[in-house]
Amino acid sequence: MSEDSPLLDTIVDMTAASVSRTSLSGRELMMVRIGALAAVDAPLSSYYLNMGIAIEAGLTAEDAQGVLVAVAPIIGAPKAVAAAATIAEAYGFALAIDEAIQERQSPG
């Protein structure tokens, strides 16, 4: 563990342990994580940490919306609506970063 970033290192270790012990596909895992973030009313920063990975795993905006529809009766409308706005912002940010990386990597 780095002395410079013990919290981030701990989160990375916890996530790695979770990923290595699940039987879910990457896409399924990210759908569950999005639902969990919505359930705990997670801040935007938590979505930022997950959304890039979710997109790489094939999660679409429609998938995220479907997750919120599925969990809304359990977590409540206010949390679902708040999560939708936060997901939209984080998803757009992650897509913009991905596009910028692809543009830099493409020749010409």
C-alpha atoms as a PDB file:
ATOM      1  CA  MET A   1       0.000   0.000   0.000  1.00  0.00           C
ATOM      2  CA  SER A   2       1.307   3.393  -0.942  1.00  0.00           C
ATOM      3  CA  GLU A   3       1.833   5.975   1.765  1.00  0.00           C
ATOM      4  CA  ASP A   4       0.616   8.603  -0.701  1.00  0.00           C
ATOM      5  CA  SER A   5      -2.826   7.127  -1.346  1.00  0.00           C
ATOM      6  CA  PRO A   6      -3.895   4.602   1.305  1.00  0.00           C
ATOM      7  CA  LEU A   7      -7.622   5.165   0.729  1.00  0.00           C
ATOM      8  CA  LEU A   8      -7.413   4.722  -3.026  1.00  0.00           C
ATOM      9  CA  ASP A   9      -5.183   1.673  -2.591  1.00  0.00           C
ATOM     10  CA  THR A  10      -7.700   0.128  -0.189  1.00  0.00           C
ATOM     11  CA  ILE A  11     -10.582   0.757  -2.596  1.00  0.00           C
ATOM     12  CA  VAL A  12      -8.590  -0.763  -5.466  1.00  0.00           C
ATOM     13  CA  ASP A  13      -7.789  -3.836  -3.343  1.00  0.00           C
ATOM     14  CA  MET A  14     -11.435  -4.257  -2.262  1.00  0.00           C
ATOM     15  CA  THR A  15     -12.623  -3.927  -5.849  1.00  0.00           C
ATOM     16  CA  ALA A  16     -10.055  -6.419  -7.129  1.00  0.00           C
ATOM     17  CA  ALA A  17     -11.119  -8.933  -4.475  1.00  0.00           C
ATOM     18  CA  SER A  18     -14.774  -8.467  -5.392  1.00  0.00           C
ATOM     19  CA  VAL A  19     -14.119  -8.887  -9.112  1.00  0.00           C
ATOM     20  CA  SER A  20     -11.986 -11.998  -8.623  1.00  0.00           C
ATOM     21  CA  ARG A  21     -14.626 -13.691  -6.460  1.00  0.00           C
ATOM     22  CA  THR A  22     -17.752 -13.092  -8.534  1.00  0.00           C
ATOM     23  CA  SER A  23     -19.236 -15.333 -11.191  1.00  0.00           C
ATOM     24  CA  LEU A  24     -20.845 -12.357 -12.943  1.00  0.00           C
ATOM     25  CA  SER A  25     -19.614 -11.119 -16.292  1.00  0.00           C
ATOM     26  CA  GLY A  26     -17.997  -7.695 -16.351  1.00  0.00           C
ATOM     27  CA  ARG A  27     -21.152  -6.129 -17.779  1.00  0.00           C
ATOM     28  CA  GLU A  28     -23.388  -7.815 -15.192  1.00  0.00           C
ATOM     29  CA  LEU A  29     -21.050  -6.798 -12.383  1.00  0.00           C
ATOM     30  CA  MET A  30     -21.134  -3.168 -13.468  1.00  0.00           C
ATOM     31  CA  MET A  31     -24.936  -3.223 -13.684  1.00  0.00           C
ATOM     32  CA  VAL A  32     -25.085  -4.471 -10.093  1.00  0.00           C
ATOM     33  CA  ARG A  33     -22.569  -1.833  -8.995  1.00  0.00           C
ATOM     34  CA  ILE A  34     -24.613   0.932 -10.656  1.00  0.00           C
ATOM     35  CA  GLY A  35     -27.709  -0.310  -8.806  1.00  0.00           C
ATOM     36  CA  ALA A  36     -25.771  -0.356  -5.533  1.00  0.00           C
ATOM     37  CA  LEU A  37     -24.479   3.173  -6.104  1.00  0.00           C
ATOM     38  CA  ALA A  38     -28.038   4.345  -6.678  1.00  0.00           C
ATOM     39  CA  ALA A  39     -29.244   2.539  -3.557  1.00  0.00           C
ATOM     40  CA  VAL A  40     -26.747   4.297  -1.301  1.00  0.00           C
ATOM     41  CA  ASP A  41     -27.224   7.691  -2.972  1.00  0.00           C
ATOM     42  CA  ALA A  42     -23.559   7.701  -3.955  1.00  0.00           C
ATOM     43  CA  PRO A  43     -21.796  10.936  -4.850  1.00  0.00           C
ATOM     44  CA  LEU A  44     -20.722  11.777  -8.388  1.00  0.00           C
ATOM     45  CA  SER A  45     -17.120  10.808  -7.623  1.00  0.00           C
ATOM     46  CA  SER A  46     -18.189   7.197  -7.005  1.00  0.00           C
ATOM     47  CA  TYR A  47     -19.904   7.079 -10.387  1.00  0.00           C
ATOM     48  CA  TYR A  48     -16.782   8.553 -12.003  1.00  0.00           C
ATOM     49  CA  LEU A  49     -14.735   5.697 -10.544  1.00  0.00           C
ATOM     50  CA  ASN A  50     -17.079   3.104 -12.044  1.00  0.00           C
ATOM     51  CA  MET A  51     -18.478   4.524 -15.262  1.00  0.00           C
ATOM     52  CA  GLY A  52     -15.379   4.188 -17.448  1.00  0.00           C
ATOM     53  CA  ILE A  53     -15.069   0.531 -16.492  1.00  0.00           C
ATOM     54  CA  ALA A  54     -18.791   0.063 -17.070  1.00  0.00           C
ATOM     55  CA  ILE A  55     -18.522   1.466 -20.593  1.00  0.00           C
ATOM     56  CA  GLU A  56     -15.505  -0.761 -21.316  1.00  0.00           C
ATOM     57  CA  ALA A  57     -17.579  -3.725 -20.109  1.00  0.00           C
ATOM     58  CA  GLY A  58     -20.279  -2.844 -22.642  1.00  0.00           C
ATOM     59  CA  LEU A  59     -22.767  -1.077 -20.381  1.00  0.00           C
ATOM     60  CA  THR A  60     -24.897   1.371 -22.349  1.00  0.00           C
ATOM     61  CA  ALA A  61     -26.928   4.346 -21.185  1.00  0.00           C
ATOM     62  CA  GLU A  62     -30.016   2.226 -21.831  1.00  0.00           C
ATOM     63  CA  ASP A  63     -28.624  -0.500 -19.555  1.00  0.00           C
ATOM     64  CA  ALA A  64     -28.069   2.038 -16.776  1.00  0.00           C
ATOM     65  CA  GLN A  65     -31.607   3.296 -17.242  1.00  0.00           C
ATOM     66  CA  GLY A  66     -32.882  -0.280 -17.069  1.00  0.00           C
ATOM     67  CA  VAL A  67     -31.026  -0.811 -13.804  1.00  0.00           C
ATOM     68  CA  LEU A  68     -32.671   2.275 -12.328  1.00  0.00           C
ATOM     69  CA  VAL A  69     -36.098   1.124 -13.487  1.00  0.00           C
ATOM     70  CA  ALA A  70     -35.457  -2.233 -11.818  1.00  0.00           C
ATOM     71  CA  VAL A  71     -34.316  -0.793  -8.487  1.00  0.00           C
ATOM     72  CA  ALA A  72     -36.645   2.231  -8.299  1.00  0.00           C
ATOM     73  CA  PRO A  73     -39.420   0.346  -6.442  1.00  0.00           C
ATOM     74  CA  ILE A  74     -36.864  -0.679  -3.806  1.00  0.00           C
ATOM     75  CA  ILE A  75     -34.754   2.478  -3.443  1.00  0.00           C
ATOM     76  CA  GLY A  76     -37.524   4.993  -4.097  1.00  0.00           C
ATOM     77  CA  ALA A  77     -38.212   7.532  -6.793  1.00  0.00           C
ATOM     78  CA  PRO A  78     -36.087  10.368  -5.347  1.00  0.00           C
ATOM     79  CA  LYS A  79     -32.941   8.232  -5.229  1.00  0.00           C
ATOM     80  CA  ALA A  80     -33.625   6.792  -8.683  1.00  0.00           C
ATOM     81  CA  VAL A  81     -34.113  10.247 -10.215  1.00  0.00           C
ATOM     82  CA  ALA A  82     -31.016  11.611  -8.469  1.00  0.00           C
ATOM     83  CA  ALA A  83     -28.996   8.632  -9.670  1.00  0.00           C
ATOM     84  CA  ALA A  84     -30.234   9.128 -13.242  1.00  0.00           C
ATOM     85  CA  ALA A  85     -28.877  12.678 -13.305  1.00  0.00           C
ATOM     86  CA  THR A  86     -25.597  11.620 -11.737  1.00  0.00           C
ATOM     87  CA  ILE A  87     -25.210   8.661 -14.095  1.00  0.00           C
ATOM     88  CA  ALA A  88     -25.874  10.891 -17.099  1.00  0.00           C
ATOM     89  CA  GLU A  89     -23.129  13.284 -16.024  1.00  0.00           C
ATOM     90  CA  ALA A  90     -20.614  10.554 -15.218  1.00  0.00           C
ATOM     91  CA  TYR A  91     -21.474   8.573 -18.362  1.00  0.00           C
ATOM     92  CA  GLY A  92     -20.998  11.639 -20.553  1.00  0.00           C
ATOM     93  CA  PHE A  93     -17.699  12.433 -18.849  1.00  0.00           C
ATOM     94  CA  ALA A  94     -16.435   8.858 -19.278  1.00  0.00           C
ATOM     95  CA  LEU A  95     -17.432   8.835 -22.954  1.00  0.00           C
ATOM     96  CA  ALA A  96     -15.659  12.140 -23.542  1.00  0.00           C
ATOM     97  CA  ILE A  97     -12.479  10.788 -21.950  1.00  0.00           C
ATOM     98  CA  ASP A  98     -12.717   7.576 -23.987  1.00  0.00           C
ATOM     99  CA  GLU A  99     -13.178   9.527 -27.228  1.00  0.00           C
ATOM    100  CA  ALA A 100     -10.222  11.803 -26.425  1.00  0.00           C
ATOM    101  CA  ILE A 101      -8.006   8.784 -25.767  1.00  0.00           C
ATOM    102  CA  GLN A 102      -9.101   7.126 -29.014  1.00  0.00           C
ATOM    103  CA  GLU A 103      -8.413  10.317 -30.989  1.00  0.00           C
ATOM    104  CA  ARG A 104      -4.896  10.535 -29.568  1.00  0.00           C
ATOM    105  CA  GLN A 105      -4.223   6.878 -30.320  1.00  0.00           C
ATOM    106  CA  SER A 106      -5.483   6.967 -33.907  1.00  0.00           C
ATOM    107  CA  PRO A 107      -2.895   7.821 -36.555  1.00  0.00           C
ATOM    108  CA  GLY A 108      -3.169  11.006 -38.538  1.00  0.00           C
END
